[in-house]
Each structure stands twice: as C-alpha cells, then as structure tokens.
PDB file of N, CA and C in Angstrom:
ATOM      1  N   UNK A   1       0.848  -1.185  -0.063  1.00  0.00           N
ATOM      2  CA  UNK A   1      -0.041  -0.149   0.053  1.00  0.00           C
ATOM      3  C   UNK A   1       0.931   1.148   0.115  1.00  0.00           C
ATOM      4  N   UNK A   2       0.668   2.290  -0.901  1.00  0.00           N
ATOM      5  CA  UNK A   2       1.441   3.215  -1.099  1.00  0.00           C
ATOM      6  C   UNK A   2       0.419   4.548  -0.585  1.00  0.00           C
ATOM      7  N   UNK A   3       1.129   5.618  -0.215  1.00  0.00           N
ATOM      8  CA  UNK A   3       0.380   6.996  -0.057  1.00  0.00           C
ATOM      9  C   UNK A   3       1.074   7.764  -0.872  1.00  0.00           C
ATOM     10  N   UNK A   4       0.280   8.090  -2.158  1.00  0.00           N
ATOM     11  CA  UNK A   4       0.849   9.170  -2.930  1.00  0.00           C
ATOM     12  C   UNK A   4       0.517  10.661  -2.582  1.00  0.00           C
ATOM     13  N   UNK A   5       1.809  11.624  -2.451  1.00  0.00           N
ATOM     14  CA  UNK A   5       1.426  12.877  -2.072  1.00  0.00           C
ATOM     15  C   UNK A   5       1.822  13.815  -3.142  1.00  0.00           C
ATOM     16  N   UNK A   6       1.513  15.151  -2.923  1.00  0.00           N
ATOM     17  CA  UNK A   6       1.821  16.070  -3.741  1.00  0.00           C
ATOM     18  C   UNK A   6       3.241  16.540  -3.512  1.00  0.00           C
ATOM     19  N   UNK A   7       4.119  16.832  -4.465  1.00  0.00           N
ATOM     20  CA  UNK A   7       5.578  17.082  -4.328  1.00  0.00           C
ATOM     21  C   UNK A   7       5.706  18.747  -3.628  1.00  0.00           C
ATOM     22  N   UNK A   8       4.559  19.517  -3.962  1.00  0.00           N
ATOM     23  CA  UNK A   8       4.792  20.795  -3.538  1.00  0.00           C
ATOM     24  C   UNK A   8       4.297  21.023  -2.017  1.00  0.00           C
ATOM     25  N   UNK A   9       3.167  20.687  -1.795  1.00  0.00           N
ATOM     26  CA  UNK A   9       2.589  20.994  -0.425  1.00  0.00           C
ATOM     27  C   UNK A   9       2.348  19.508   0.538  1.00  0.00           C
ATOM     28  N   UNK A  10       2.748  18.398  -0.048  1.00  0.00           N
ATOM     29  CA  UNK A  10       2.840  17.158   0.787  1.00  0.00           C
ATOM     30  C   UNK A  10       1.553  16.665   1.069  1.00  0.00           C
ATOM     31  N   UNK A  11       0.355  17.276   0.523  1.00  0.00           N
ATOM     32  CA  UNK A  11      -0.929  16.777   0.945  1.00  0.00           C
ATOM     33  C   UNK A  11      -1.276  15.299   0.318  1.00  0.00           C
ATOM     34  N   UNK A  12      -2.045  14.563   0.862  1.00  0.00           N
ATOM     35  CA  UNK A  12      -2.186  13.077   0.299  1.00  0.00           C
ATOM     36  C   UNK A  12      -3.173  13.339  -0.837  1.00  0.00           C
ATOM     37  N   UNK A  13      -2.749  12.535  -1.890  1.00  0.00           N
ATOM     38  CA  UNK A  13      -3.572  12.440  -3.041  1.00  0.00           C
ATOM     39  C   UNK A  13      -4.405  11.101  -3.212  1.00  0.00           C
ATOM     40  N   UNK A  14      -3.558  10.120  -2.952  1.00  0.00           N
ATOM     41  CA  UNK A  14      -4.179   8.637  -3.175  1.00  0.00           C
ATOM     42  C   UNK A  14      -3.707   7.774  -2.295  1.00  0.00           C
ATOM     43  N   UNK A  15      -4.494   6.676  -1.791  1.00  0.00           N
ATOM     44  CA  UNK A  15      -4.048   5.462  -1.237  1.00  0.00           C
ATOM     45  C   UNK A  15      -3.990   4.379  -2.245  1.00  0.00           C
ATOM     46  N   UNK A  16      -2.939   3.830  -2.640  1.00  0.00           N
ATOM     47  CA  UNK A  16      -2.837   3.081  -3.916  1.00  0.00           C
ATOM     48  C   UNK A  16      -2.138   1.795  -3.562  1.00  0.00           C
ATOM     49  N   UNK A  17      -2.712   0.540  -4.038  1.00  0.00           N
ATOM     50  CA  UNK A  17      -2.063  -0.624  -3.917  1.00  0.00           C
ATOM     51  C   UNK A  17      -1.180  -0.803  -5.231  1.00  0.00           C
ATOM     52  N   UNK A  18       0.093  -0.757  -4.783  1.00  0.00           N
ATOM     53  CA  UNK A  18       1.178  -0.877  -6.110  1.00  0.00           C
ATOM     54  C   UNK A  18       1.637  -2.369  -5.929  1.00  0.00           C
ATOM     55  N   UNK A  19       1.594  -3.134  -7.123  1.00  0.00           N
ATOM     56  CA  UNK A  19       2.009  -4.448  -7.209  1.00  0.00           C
ATOM     57  C   UNK A  19       3.167  -4.527  -8.227  1.00  0.00           C
ATOM     58  N   UNK A  20       4.118  -5.089  -7.891  1.00  0.00           N
ATOM     59  CA  UNK A  20       5.397  -5.266  -8.583  1.00  0.00           C
ATOM     60  C   UNK A  20       6.439  -4.122  -8.323  1.00  0.00           C
ATOM     61  N   UNK A  21       7.611  -4.289  -9.063  1.00  0.00           N
ATOM     62  CA  UNK A  21       8.661  -3.308  -9.167  1.00  0.00           C
ATOM     63  C   UNK A  21       8.648  -2.200  -9.923  1.00  0.00           C
ATOM     64  N   UNK A  22       9.476  -1.300 -10.043  1.00  0.00           N
ATOM     65  CA  UNK A  22       9.396  -0.256 -10.848  1.00  0.00           C
ATOM     66  C   UNK A  22       8.721   1.130 -10.376  1.00  0.00           C
ATOM     67  N   UNK A  23       8.866   2.228 -11.060  1.00  0.00           N
ATOM     68  CA  UNK A  23       8.237   3.259 -11.019  1.00  0.00           C
ATOM     69  C   UNK A  23       6.900   3.260 -11.173  1.00  0.00           C
ATOM     70  N   UNK A  24       6.116   4.479 -10.806  1.00  0.00           N
ATOM     71  CA  UNK A  24       4.740   4.686 -10.953  1.00  0.00           C
ATOM     72  C   UNK A  24       4.603   5.618 -12.187  1.00  0.00           C
ATOM     73  N   UNK A  25       4.236   4.998 -13.274  1.00  0.00           N
ATOM     74  CA  UNK A  25       4.030   5.660 -14.583  1.00  0.00           C
ATOM     75  C   UNK A  25       2.707   6.093 -14.653  1.00  0.00           C
ATOM     76  N   UNK A  26       1.634   5.242 -14.205  1.00  0.00           N
ATOM     77  CA  UNK A  26       0.161   5.271 -14.222  1.00  0.00           C
ATOM     78  C   UNK A  26      -0.293   4.629 -13.021  1.00  0.00           C
ATOM     79  N   UNK A  27      -1.493   5.151 -12.473  1.00  0.00           N
ATOM     80  CA  UNK A  27      -2.178   4.352 -11.485  1.00  0.00           C
ATOM     81  C   UNK A  27      -3.474   3.861 -11.935  1.00  0.00           C
ATOM     82  N   UNK A  28      -3.551   2.372 -11.809  1.00  0.00           N
ATOM     83  CA  UNK A  28      -4.956   1.769 -12.356  1.00  0.00           C
ATOM     84  C   UNK A  28      -5.939   2.289 -11.335  1.00  0.00           C
ATOM     85  N   UNK A  29      -7.156   2.682 -11.944  1.00  0.00           N
ATOM     86  CA  UNK A  29      -8.325   3.234 -10.990  1.00  0.00           C
ATOM     87  C   UNK A  29      -8.805   2.193 -10.078  1.00  0.00           C
ATOM     88  N   UNK A  30      -8.857   1.046 -10.501  1.00  0.00           N
ATOM     89  CA  UNK A  30      -9.451  -0.148  -9.714  1.00  0.00           C
ATOM     90  C   UNK A  30      -8.539  -0.199  -8.384  1.00  0.00           C
ATOM     91  N   UNK A  31      -7.343   0.075  -8.463  1.00  0.00           N
ATOM     92  CA  UNK A  31      -6.282  -0.037  -7.393  1.00  0.00           C
ATOM     93  C   UNK A  31      -6.118   0.993  -6.359  1.00  0.00           C
ATOM     94  N   UNK A  32      -6.965   2.242  -6.783  1.00  0.00           N
ATOM     95  CA  UNK A  32      -7.012   3.431  -5.749  1.00  0.00           C
ATOM     96  C   UNK A  32      -7.987   3.091  -4.537  1.00  0.00           C
ATOM     97  N   UNK A  33      -7.429   2.959  -3.278  1.00  0.00           N
ATOM     98  CA  UNK A  33      -8.298   2.676  -2.171  1.00  0.00           C
ATOM     99  C   UNK A  33      -9.246   3.999  -1.859  1.00  0.00           C
ATOM    100  N   UNK A  34      -8.531   4.950  -1.784  1.00  0.00           N
ATOM    101  CA  UNK A  34      -8.883   6.303  -1.196  1.00  0.00           C
ATOM    102  C   UNK A  34      -8.246   7.520  -2.111  1.00  0.00           C
ATOM    103  N   UNK A  35      -9.284   8.371  -2.526  1.00  0.00           N
ATOM    104  CA  UNK A  35      -9.110   9.312  -3.478  1.00  0.00           C
ATOM    105  C   UNK A  35      -9.377  10.666  -2.716  1.00  0.00           C
ATOM    106  N   UNK A  36      -8.030  11.464  -2.816  1.00  0.00           N
ATOM    107  CA  UNK A  36      -8.126  12.967  -2.031  1.00  0.00           C
ATOM    108  C   UNK A  36      -7.886  13.881  -2.773  1.00  0.00           C
ATOM    109  N   UNK A  37      -7.927  13.612  -4.258  1.00  0.00           N
ATOM    110  CA  UNK A  37      -7.563  14.481  -5.316  1.00  0.00           C
ATOM    111  C   UNK A  37      -8.838  15.261  -5.709  1.00  0.00           C
ATOM    112  N   UNK A  38      -8.619  16.478  -6.482  1.00  0.00           N
ATOM    113  CA  UNK A  38      -9.695  17.190  -7.137  1.00  0.00           C
ATOM    114  C   UNK A  38      -9.491  17.022  -8.531  1.00  0.00           C
ATOM    115  N   UNK A  39     -10.830  16.496  -9.143  1.00  0.00           N
ATOM    116  CA  UNK A  39     -11.071  16.005 -10.483  1.00  0.00           C
ATOM    117  C   UNK A  39     -11.411  17.443 -11.295  1.00  0.00           C
ATOM    118  N   UNK A  40     -10.682  17.826 -12.359  1.00  0.00           N
ATOM    119  CA  UNK A  40     -11.316  19.015 -13.104  1.00  0.00           C
ATOM    120  C   UNK A  40     -11.147  18.561 -14.505  1.00  0.00           C
ATOM    121  N   UNK A  41     -12.413  17.984 -14.671  1.00  0.00           N
ATOM    122  CA  UNK A  41     -12.378  17.564 -16.288  1.00  0.00           C
ATOM    123  C   UNK A  41     -11.613  16.077 -16.183  1.00  0.00           C
ATOM    124  N   UNK A  42     -10.629  16.033 -17.125  1.00  0.00           N
ATOM    125  CA  UNK A  42      -9.843  14.799 -17.203  1.00  0.00           C
ATOM    126  C   UNK A  42      -8.372  15.084 -16.430  1.00  0.00           C
ATOM    127  N   UNK A  43      -8.141  16.262 -15.720  1.00  0.00           N
ATOM    128  CA  UNK A  43      -7.116  16.667 -14.964  1.00  0.00           C
ATOM    129  C   UNK A  43      -7.244  16.197 -13.581  1.00  0.00           C
ATOM    130  N   UNK A  44      -6.227  15.708 -12.937  1.00  0.00           N
ATOM    131  CA  UNK A  44      -6.196  15.216 -11.516  1.00  0.00           C
ATOM    132  C   UNK A  44      -5.290  16.217 -10.826  1.00  0.00           C
ATOM    133  N   UNK A  45      -5.763  17.011  -9.904  1.00  0.00           N
ATOM    134  CA  UNK A  45      -4.986  17.981  -9.383  1.00  0.00           C
ATOM    135  C   UNK A  45      -4.986  17.763  -7.733  1.00  0.00           C
ATOM    136  N   UNK A  46      -4.210  18.375  -7.041  1.00  0.00           N
ATOM    137  CA  UNK A  46      -3.952  18.606  -5.736  1.00  0.00           C
ATOM    138  C   UNK A  46      -4.770  19.754  -5.363  1.00  0.00           C
ATOM    139  N   UNK A  47      -5.076  19.705  -3.863  1.00  0.00           N
ATOM    140  CA  UNK A  47      -5.760  21.054  -3.441  1.00  0.00           C
ATOM    141  C   UNK A  47      -4.981  22.411  -3.704  1.00  0.00           C
ATOM    142  N   UNK A  48      -3.776  22.288  -3.664  1.00  0.00           N
ATOM    143  CA  UNK A  48      -2.808  23.536  -3.928  1.00  0.00           C
ATOM    144  C   UNK A  48      -2.902  23.858  -5.295  1.00  0.00           C
ATOM    145  N   UNK A  49      -3.422  23.129  -6.418  1.00  0.00           N
ATOM    146  CA  UNK A  49      -3.415  23.362  -7.661  1.00  0.00           C
ATOM    147  C   UNK A  49      -2.437  22.653  -8.543  1.00  0.00           C
ATOM    148  N   UNK A  50      -1.600  21.847  -7.812  1.00  0.00           N
ATOM    149  CA  UNK A  50      -0.472  21.143  -8.609  1.00  0.00           C
ATOM    150  C   UNK A  50      -1.126  20.132  -9.612  1.00  0.00           C
ATOM    151  N   UNK A  51      -0.779  19.986 -10.764  1.00  0.00           N
ATOM    152  CA  UNK A  51      -1.307  18.871 -11.826  1.00  0.00           C
ATOM    153  C   UNK A  51      -0.573  17.767 -11.415  1.00  0.00           C
ATOM    154  N   UNK A  52      -1.314  16.659 -11.233  1.00  0.00           N
ATOM    155  CA  UNK A  52      -0.742  15.327 -10.826  1.00  0.00           C
ATOM    156  C   UNK A  52      -0.666  14.411 -11.860  1.00  0.00           C
ATOM    157  N   UNK A  53      -1.702  14.453 -12.676  1.00  0.00           N
ATOM    158  CA  UNK A  53      -1.839  13.358 -13.620  1.00  0.00           C
ATOM    159  C   UNK A  53      -3.151  13.882 -14.579  1.00  0.00           C
ATOM    160  N   UNK A  54      -3.320  12.844 -15.654  1.00  0.00           N
ATOM    161  CA  UNK A  54      -4.451  12.922 -16.682  1.00  0.00           C
ATOM    162  C   UNK A  54      -5.202  11.781 -16.656  1.00  0.00           C
ATOM    163  N   UNK A  55      -6.587  11.755 -16.492  1.00  0.00           N
ATOM    164  CA  UNK A  55      -7.385  10.581 -16.483  1.00  0.00           C
ATOM    165  C   UNK A  55      -7.586  10.222 -17.802  1.00  0.00           C
ATOM    166  N   UNK A  56      -7.303   8.738 -17.992  1.00  0.00           N
ATOM    167  CA  UNK A  56      -7.289   8.289 -19.309  1.00  0.00           C
ATOM    168  C   UNK A  56      -8.139   6.948 -19.365  1.00  0.00           C
ATOM    169  N   UNK A  57      -9.458   6.933 -18.809  1.00  0.00           N
ATOM    170  CA  UNK A  57     -10.421   5.792 -18.735  1.00  0.00           C
ATOM    171  C   UNK A  57      -9.873   4.781 -17.595  1.00  0.00           C
ATOM    172  N   UNK A  58      -9.078   3.929 -18.055  1.00  0.00           N
ATOM    173  CA  UNK A  58      -9.005   2.904 -17.052  1.00  0.00           C
ATOM    174  C   UNK A  58      -7.673   3.179 -15.961  1.00  0.00           C
ATOM    175  N   UNK A  59      -6.930   4.113 -16.339  1.00  0.00           N
ATOM    176  CA  UNK A  59      -6.050   4.531 -15.416  1.00  0.00           C
ATOM    177  C   UNK A  59      -5.584   5.966 -15.449  1.00  0.00           C
ATOM    178  N   UNK A  60      -4.768   6.395 -14.547  1.00  0.00           N
ATOM    179  CA  UNK A  60      -4.460   7.959 -14.581  1.00  0.00           C
ATOM    180  C   UNK A  60      -2.962   8.057 -14.862  1.00  0.00           C
ATOM    181  N   UNK A  61      -2.598   8.681 -15.916  1.00  0.00           N
ATOM    182  CA  UNK A  61      -1.206   8.900 -16.325  1.00  0.00           C
ATOM    183  C   UNK A  61      -0.576   9.951 -15.401  1.00  0.00           C
ATOM    184  N   UNK A  62       0.219   9.534 -14.669  1.00  0.00           N
ATOM    185  CA  UNK A  62       1.073  10.230 -13.740  1.00  0.00           C
ATOM    186  C   UNK A  62       2.127  11.079 -14.203  1.00  0.00           C
ATOM    187  N   UNK A  63       2.222  12.505 -13.825  1.00  0.00           N
ATOM    188  CA  UNK A  63       3.250  13.405 -14.304  1.00  0.00           C
ATOM    189  C   UNK A  63       4.473  13.157 -13.336  1.00  0.00           C
ATOM    190  N   UNK A  64       5.446  12.677 -13.768  1.00  0.00           N
ATOM    191  CA  UNK A  64       6.715  12.435 -12.942  1.00  0.00           C
ATOM    192  C   UNK A  64       7.305  13.856 -12.234  1.00  0.00           C
ATOM    193  N   UNK A  65       7.670  13.761 -11.060  1.00  0.00           N
ATOM    194  CA  UNK A  65       8.199  15.003 -10.373  1.00  0.00           C
ATOM    195  C   UNK A  65       6.934  15.769  -9.671  1.00  0.00           C
ATOM    196  N   UNK A  66       5.769  15.402 -10.049  1.00  0.00           N
ATOM    197  CA  UNK A  66       4.534  16.137  -9.440  1.00  0.00           C
ATOM    198  C   UNK A  66       4.089  15.550  -8.205  1.00  0.00           C
ATOM    199  N   UNK A  67       4.582  14.266  -7.843  1.00  0.00           N
ATOM    200  CA  UNK A  67       4.299  13.443  -6.708  1.00  0.00           C
ATOM    201  C   UNK A  67       5.506  12.875  -6.073  1.00  0.00           C
ATOM    202  N   UNK A  68       5.198  12.600  -4.945  1.00  0.00           N
ATOM    203  CA  UNK A  68       6.160  11.542  -4.034  1.00  0.00           C
ATOM    204  C   UNK A  68       5.192  10.593  -3.388  1.00  0.00           C
ATOM    205  N   UNK A  69       5.835   9.587  -2.916  1.00  0.00           N
ATOM    206  CA  UNK A  69       5.138   8.465  -2.334  1.00  0.00           C
ATOM    207  C   UNK A  69       5.951   7.840  -1.122  1.00  0.00           C
ATOM    208  N   UNK A  70       5.262   7.190  -0.135  1.00  0.00           N
ATOM    209  CA  UNK A  70       5.730   6.645   1.028  1.00  0.00           C
ATOM    210  C   UNK A  70       4.975   5.244   1.153  1.00  0.00           C
ATOM    211  N   UNK A  71       5.576   4.293   1.554  1.00  0.00           N
ATOM    212  CA  UNK A  71       4.963   3.046   1.969  1.00  0.00           C
ATOM    213  C   UNK A  71       5.739   1.746   1.165  1.00  0.00           C
ATOM    214  N   UNK A  72       5.244   0.667   1.084  1.00  0.00           N
ATOM    215  CA  UNK A  72       5.958  -0.464   0.513  1.00  0.00           C
ATOM    216  C   UNK A  72       5.068  -1.023  -0.681  1.00  0.00           C
ATOM    217  N   UNK A  73       6.059  -1.343  -1.614  1.00  0.00           N
ATOM    218  CA  UNK A  73       5.473  -1.955  -2.801  1.00  0.00           C
ATOM    219  C   UNK A  73       5.434  -3.607  -2.666  1.00  0.00           C
ATOM    220  N   UNK A  74       4.351  -4.078  -3.251  1.00  0.00           N
ATOM    221  CA  UNK A  74       4.178  -5.493  -3.101  1.00  0.00           C
ATOM    222  C   UNK A  74       4.708  -6.153  -4.100  1.00  0.00           C
TER     223      UNK A  74
END
C-alpha cells in the first residue's frame, strides 16, 4: 500500500495498491483505495493546484516529479 502525496505541499492524493517493482508511470483506477484529489475534467489536481496526472479511462497517467510516495511496494 502506497500513499501518494503532492510534491509541492505534501498533501495526500491517493492511497494506492502497487503491485510489482518499478516506477509509478500510471495508477490503475481499480487499485486506488482512497482518493483525496480534485478532478477538473480529465485533469487530476492537488488542493494546492498542482497537476498530478491525466485521467485516461482505465488509469491515470501520472506526471513525474509532481508527486512523491511513501509505503511499501508489494
């Protein structure tokens, strides 16, 4: 379980189940346990206005360097 946070203000964005090794390039919507983000059309933003990713139907394409995460990869 990972907690994905905004890189600017450190606010929580998602609680996400990460399976496997590697970087987070996109987040599958069905693996997001808790969503704290703001949805502005197809843009996913933090409450501070930082653009985190773009909604693309089944997953959210994450912007690198716009977020940080803590937790353990499964």
